[in-house]
Amino acid sequence: MPRTLEGQITMEKTPSYFVTKEAPRRIYNMSRDTKLIVVVRNPVTRAISDYTQTLSKNPTIPSFQALAFKNVSTGLIDTSWSAVRIGIYAKHLDNWLRYFPLSKFLFVSGERLVSDPAGEMGRVQDFLGLERVVTDKHFYFNETKGFPCLKKPEGSSKPRCLGKSKGRPHPKIDGQVVQRLQEFYRPFNMKFYQMTGQDFGWD
């Protein structure tokens, strides 16, 4: 990490930190004062999005259903598939709470980041002890992508929107497969709500 001067905040983003077993210990050893921001979304939608991303790079992969289930007839979910495993948030948070207290975490709702980006960014700025500089005037809704984008920064002619890999249409997944995944995640979601003191409304 770069050296941080008094009055500065150094930030770094890597989605895999949250699910990497060794990450909490390593970050704790680096700096136990680190503030941690975790963006979470409905784990079923997250798994489908993960699959969509992989499919775009490798169109010959098996169907979502084939990867999600160990056995379709028994409805047994394959938790060894990373797209499924990542969404078991309570399990990953358990690992982090061995090193950091809950007060060091801010859990950002991926859904609210789309429906109310300024509101969620307000929470982020408060958590980091920053003045609320980013407000609703900085966002516009991009109809094509289906989510908010940043309005053009000063001196730039182009608005800032996430890249081509974001906002892709998801493949159609059988309703029963989605329902079975929702049932699978429900107890983990409930535990996550209890652990964080936040109901994300995924059920």
Protein backbone atom coordinates (compact mmCIF):
# COMPACT_ATOMS: atom_id res chain seq x y z
CA MET A 1 0.00 0.00 0.00
CA PRO A 2 1.27 3.55 -0.65
CA ARG A 3 2.35 5.62 2.35
CA THR A 4 -0.64 7.53 3.72
CA LEU A 5 -0.05 11.03 5.04
CA GLU A 6 -1.94 12.67 7.90
CA GLY A 7 -5.42 13.64 6.68
CA GLN A 8 -5.36 11.16 3.80
CA ILE A 9 -7.26 7.91 3.29
CA THR A 10 -5.79 5.13 1.19
CA MET A 11 -8.35 2.82 -0.39
CA GLU A 12 -8.00 -0.46 -2.24
CA LYS A 13 -10.63 -2.74 -3.76
CA THR A 14 -10.43 -6.45 -4.42
CA PRO A 15 -13.67 -8.49 -4.31
CA SER A 16 -11.89 -11.76 -3.50
CA TYR A 17 -10.59 -10.47 -0.13
CA PHE A 18 -13.93 -11.17 1.55
CA VAL A 19 -13.89 -14.86 0.54
CA THR A 20 -10.14 -15.54 0.88
CA LYS A 21 -9.42 -17.40 4.13
CA GLU A 22 -6.01 -15.80 4.74
CA ALA A 23 -7.05 -12.21 3.95
CA PRO A 24 -8.39 -11.13 7.40
CA ARG A 25 -5.23 -12.21 9.23
CA ARG A 26 -2.96 -10.56 6.66
CA ILE A 27 -4.90 -7.28 6.70
CA TYR A 28 -5.03 -7.32 10.52
CA ASN A 29 -1.24 -7.80 10.64
CA MET A 30 -0.80 -4.92 8.21
CA SER A 31 -3.12 -2.53 10.08
CA ARG A 32 -5.75 -3.39 12.67
CA ASP A 33 -7.24 0.11 12.17
CA THR A 34 -8.32 -0.71 8.62
CA LYS A 35 -11.97 0.08 7.86
CA LEU A 36 -13.67 -2.57 5.75
CA ILE A 37 -16.45 -1.94 3.22
CA VAL A 38 -18.28 -4.98 1.89
CA VAL A 39 -20.76 -4.64 -0.99
CA VAL A 40 -23.27 -7.51 -0.95
CA ARG A 41 -26.25 -8.34 -3.11
CA ASN A 42 -28.87 -11.09 -3.25
CA PRO A 43 -26.68 -14.22 -3.42
CA VAL A 44 -28.93 -15.83 -6.07
CA THR A 45 -28.63 -12.81 -8.39
CA ARG A 46 -24.92 -12.68 -7.55
CA ALA A 47 -24.43 -16.33 -8.60
CA ILE A 48 -26.30 -15.78 -11.89
CA SER A 49 -24.25 -12.63 -12.55
CA ASP A 50 -21.04 -14.53 -11.82
CA TYR A 51 -22.12 -17.23 -14.27
CA THR A 52 -23.02 -14.59 -16.92
CA GLN A 53 -19.52 -13.10 -16.61
CA THR A 54 -17.86 -16.53 -17.04
CA LEU A 55 -20.18 -17.43 -19.92
CA SER A 56 -19.18 -14.27 -21.81
CA LYS A 57 -15.53 -15.38 -21.65
CA ASN A 58 -16.18 -19.07 -22.22
CA PRO A 59 -19.44 -19.80 -24.14
CA THR A 60 -18.87 -23.61 -23.97
CA ILE A 61 -19.27 -23.95 -20.18
CA PRO A 62 -22.10 -26.19 -18.87
CA SER A 63 -25.50 -24.70 -18.06
CA PHE A 64 -26.06 -22.78 -14.82
CA GLN A 65 -28.25 -25.62 -13.56
CA ALA A 66 -25.57 -28.25 -14.27
CA LEU A 67 -22.99 -26.26 -12.29
CA ALA A 68 -25.28 -25.23 -9.40
CA PHE A 69 -26.46 -28.73 -8.49
CA LYS A 70 -24.51 -31.79 -7.37
CA ASN A 71 -27.65 -33.74 -8.10
CA VAL A 72 -30.63 -32.12 -9.85
CA SER A 73 -33.15 -34.79 -8.81
CA THR A 74 -32.33 -34.44 -5.08
CA GLY A 75 -31.89 -30.66 -5.39
CA LEU A 76 -28.48 -30.86 -3.67
CA ILE A 77 -26.58 -27.60 -4.26
CA ASP A 78 -22.90 -27.80 -5.19
CA THR A 79 -21.16 -25.48 -2.69
CA SER A 80 -17.77 -26.27 -4.24
CA TRP A 81 -18.75 -24.09 -7.23
CA SER A 82 -17.36 -20.62 -6.43
CA ALA A 83 -20.41 -18.81 -7.88
CA VAL A 84 -22.52 -20.50 -5.17
CA ARG A 85 -19.92 -20.52 -2.37
CA ILE A 86 -19.21 -16.76 -2.52
CA GLY A 87 -22.86 -15.97 -1.64
CA ILE A 88 -22.66 -17.76 1.73
CA TYR A 89 -21.83 -14.41 3.31
CA ALA A 90 -22.31 -15.48 6.94
CA LYS A 91 -19.54 -18.07 6.61
CA HIS A 92 -17.07 -15.55 5.19
CA LEU A 93 -17.99 -12.89 7.76
CA ASP A 94 -17.39 -15.43 10.56
CA ASN A 95 -13.79 -15.68 9.41
CA TRP A 96 -13.35 -11.87 9.40
CA LEU A 97 -14.91 -11.40 12.85
CA ARG A 98 -12.10 -13.47 14.35
CA TYR A 99 -9.82 -10.49 13.61
CA PHE A 100 -11.96 -7.36 13.29
CA PRO A 101 -14.92 -6.11 15.37
CA LEU A 102 -18.21 -5.43 13.58
CA SER A 103 -17.64 -1.67 14.11
CA LYS A 104 -14.83 -1.81 11.50
CA PHE A 105 -17.30 -2.96 8.80
CA LEU A 106 -19.76 -1.17 6.59
CA PHE A 107 -22.06 -3.45 4.61
CA VAL A 108 -23.32 -1.77 1.46
CA SER A 109 -26.43 -3.10 -0.25
CA GLY A 110 -25.79 -3.79 -3.94
CA GLU A 111 -29.50 -3.35 -4.61
CA ARG A 112 -29.64 0.05 -2.87
CA LEU A 113 -26.48 1.08 -4.69
CA VAL A 114 -28.62 0.85 -7.84
CA SER A 115 -31.91 2.24 -6.47
CA ASP A 116 -30.35 4.98 -4.27
CA PRO A 117 -26.64 5.42 -5.13
CA ALA A 118 -26.34 8.78 -3.35
CA GLY A 119 -27.89 7.36 -0.15
CA GLU A 120 -25.48 4.42 -0.04
CA MET A 121 -22.53 6.67 -0.93
CA GLY A 122 -23.62 8.96 1.90
CA ARG A 123 -23.32 6.03 4.31
CA VAL A 124 -19.86 5.24 2.90
CA GLN A 125 -18.67 8.84 3.34
CA ASP A 126 -20.04 8.95 6.93
CA PHE A 127 -18.35 5.63 7.77
CA LEU A 128 -15.00 6.93 6.49
CA GLY A 129 -15.40 10.22 8.38
CA LEU A 130 -15.54 12.20 5.15
CA GLU A 131 -17.63 15.23 4.31
CA ARG A 132 -20.62 14.26 2.15
CA VAL A 133 -19.27 15.54 -1.17
CA VAL A 134 -20.82 12.89 -3.45
CA THR A 135 -24.60 13.48 -3.61
CA ASP A 136 -27.53 12.67 -5.89
CA LYS A 137 -26.49 15.45 -8.27
CA HIS A 138 -23.48 13.31 -9.23
CA PHE A 139 -25.55 10.40 -10.61
CA TYR A 140 -27.86 9.74 -13.53
CA PHE A 141 -29.69 6.53 -14.40
CA ASN A 142 -28.40 4.83 -17.54
CA GLU A 143 -31.42 3.14 -19.19
CA THR A 144 -29.24 0.94 -21.43
CA LYS A 145 -27.17 -0.51 -18.60
CA GLY A 146 -30.00 -0.49 -16.08
CA PHE A 147 -28.04 1.17 -13.28
CA PRO A 148 -26.72 4.59 -12.20
CA CYS A 149 -23.60 6.16 -13.67
CA LEU A 150 -21.51 9.12 -12.57
CA LYS A 151 -22.08 12.40 -14.38
CA LYS A 152 -19.05 13.77 -16.17
CA PRO A 153 -16.33 15.03 -13.85
CA GLU A 154 -15.14 18.62 -14.15
CA GLY A 155 -13.12 19.17 -17.33
CA SER A 156 -14.22 15.89 -18.94
CA SER A 157 -16.74 15.54 -21.71
CA LYS A 158 -17.74 11.93 -21.02
CA PRO A 159 -19.89 10.59 -18.18
CA ARG A 160 -18.24 7.82 -16.14
CA CYS A 161 -20.02 4.49 -16.43
CA LEU A 162 -18.90 0.99 -15.53
CA GLY A 163 -17.35 -1.05 -18.34
CA LYS A 164 -18.85 -3.44 -20.88
CA SER A 165 -18.76 -6.36 -18.43
CA LYS A 166 -21.34 -4.60 -16.17
CA GLY A 167 -25.06 -4.52 -16.87
CA ARG A 168 -25.08 -7.53 -19.20
CA PRO A 169 -28.45 -9.27 -19.62
CA HIS A 170 -28.56 -12.48 -17.57
CA PRO A 171 -29.46 -15.79 -19.22
CA LYS A 172 -32.94 -17.14 -18.47
CA ILE A 173 -32.70 -19.50 -15.48
CA ASP A 174 -35.50 -21.96 -14.74
CA GLY A 175 -37.79 -20.66 -11.96
CA GLN A 176 -37.49 -23.87 -9.94
CA VAL A 177 -33.68 -23.60 -9.98
CA VAL A 178 -33.92 -20.02 -8.68
CA GLN A 179 -36.42 -21.09 -6.00
CA ARG A 180 -34.21 -23.98 -4.85
CA LEU A 181 -31.24 -21.61 -4.57
CA GLN A 182 -33.33 -19.11 -2.59
CA GLU A 183 -34.26 -21.90 -0.17
CA PHE A 184 -30.61 -22.94 0.10
CA TYR A 185 -29.42 -19.42 0.91
CA ARG A 186 -32.30 -18.46 3.27
CA PRO A 187 -30.76 -19.76 6.55
CA PHE A 188 -27.37 -18.25 5.64
CA ASN A 189 -29.04 -14.93 4.79
CA MET A 190 -30.91 -14.93 8.11
CA LYS A 191 -27.67 -15.57 9.98
CA PHE A 192 -25.97 -12.77 8.00
CA TYR A 193 -28.81 -10.35 8.88
CA GLN A 194 -28.37 -11.25 12.58
CA MET A 195 -24.58 -10.89 12.43
CA THR A 196 -24.68 -7.49 10.71
CA GLY A 197 -27.84 -6.14 12.35
CA GLN A 198 -29.06 -5.33 8.84
CA ASP A 199 -31.95 -6.88 6.88
CA PHE A 200 -31.11 -6.77 3.19
CA GLY A 201 -34.58 -7.98 2.16
CA TRP A 202 -33.44 -10.83 -0.06
CA ASP A 203 -36.41 -13.07 0.75
